[in-house]
Amino acid sequence: MSLAEGLVGAETCPAVDPRNNRKLVKDIDKLAHRLEWYRYVFFMSPLFPGGKRLPELERDGVQVWSVNV
């Protein structure tokens, strides 16, 4: 995940809606059980424009961010 072991863990995905097929939940679940100090899920979706943190989607210490490319 990160060059410095145990520091950063992240998952990324493009999605029409990151809630489809529970993709967002699955990515958070995957990171929730890891030991990295900083854990993030980044996704790009037309339903969540702009690059911003979405605390309402977060749990278990995993930050969720929408991004634009």
Protein backbone atom coordinates (compact mmCIF):
# COMPACT_ATOMS: atom_id res chain seq x y z
CA MET A 1 0.00 0.00 0.00
CA SER A 2 2.62 2.58 0.97
CA LEU A 3 6.41 2.71 0.65
CA ALA A 4 6.68 3.20 4.40
CA GLU A 5 5.13 0.05 5.82
CA GLY A 6 2.08 0.64 7.99
CA LEU A 7 1.69 4.30 7.06
CA VAL A 8 -0.92 4.69 4.27
CA GLY A 9 -3.56 2.37 2.84
CA ALA A 10 -5.97 3.31 0.06
CA GLU A 11 -8.51 1.97 -2.40
CA THR A 12 -9.62 3.82 -5.53
CA CYS A 13 -12.47 3.28 -7.98
CA PRO A 14 -14.36 5.02 -10.76
CA ALA A 15 -18.12 4.46 -10.52
CA VAL A 16 -21.39 5.78 -11.85
CA ASP A 17 -22.62 5.36 -8.27
CA PRO A 18 -20.13 4.00 -5.69
CA ARG A 19 -23.07 2.52 -3.76
CA ASN A 20 -23.86 0.14 -6.66
CA ASN A 21 -22.88 -3.45 -5.88
CA ARG A 22 -21.85 -2.18 -2.43
CA LYS A 23 -18.48 -1.16 -3.94
CA LEU A 24 -17.91 1.63 -1.43
CA VAL A 25 -18.90 -0.57 1.53
CA LYS A 26 -16.60 -3.36 0.30
CA ASP A 27 -13.65 -0.98 -0.10
CA ILE A 28 -14.19 0.46 3.40
CA ASP A 29 -14.51 -3.08 4.82
CA LYS A 30 -11.23 -4.05 3.18
CA LEU A 31 -9.39 -1.10 4.73
CA ALA A 32 -11.16 -1.22 8.10
CA HIS A 33 -9.29 -4.40 8.99
CA ARG A 34 -5.86 -3.16 7.91
CA LEU A 35 -3.31 -1.68 10.27
CA GLU A 36 -2.13 1.36 8.29
CA TRP A 37 -2.12 4.59 10.26
CA TYR A 38 -3.93 6.52 7.47
CA ARG A 39 -6.66 4.78 5.46
CA TYR A 40 -8.57 6.28 2.55
CA VAL A 41 -11.12 5.37 -0.13
CA PHE A 42 -11.01 7.64 -3.20
CA PHE A 43 -13.65 7.46 -5.91
CA MET A 44 -14.79 9.42 -8.94
CA SER A 45 -18.51 9.60 -9.73
CA PRO A 46 -20.78 12.09 -11.51
CA LEU A 47 -23.14 11.81 -8.52
CA PHE A 48 -20.45 13.25 -6.23
CA PRO A 49 -18.76 16.06 -8.21
CA GLY A 50 -15.80 17.94 -6.84
CA GLY A 51 -12.89 16.86 -4.76
CA LYS A 52 -14.09 16.72 -1.18
CA ARG A 53 -14.16 14.57 1.90
CA LEU A 54 -17.49 12.85 2.60
CA PRO A 55 -17.61 12.16 6.35
CA GLU A 56 -21.22 10.97 6.11
CA LEU A 57 -19.94 7.91 4.17
CA GLU A 58 -17.04 7.16 6.53
CA ARG A 59 -16.72 4.54 9.25
CA ASP A 60 -14.11 2.55 11.14
CA GLY A 61 -11.51 5.30 10.78
CA VAL A 62 -11.47 5.13 6.95
CA GLN A 63 -11.77 8.53 5.25
CA VAL A 64 -13.85 8.72 2.04
CA TRP A 65 -13.05 11.29 -0.65
CA SER A 66 -14.62 12.09 -4.02
CA VAL A 67 -12.11 13.23 -6.63
CA ASN A 68 -12.09 14.84 -10.07
CA VAL A 69 -9.50 14.03 -12.68
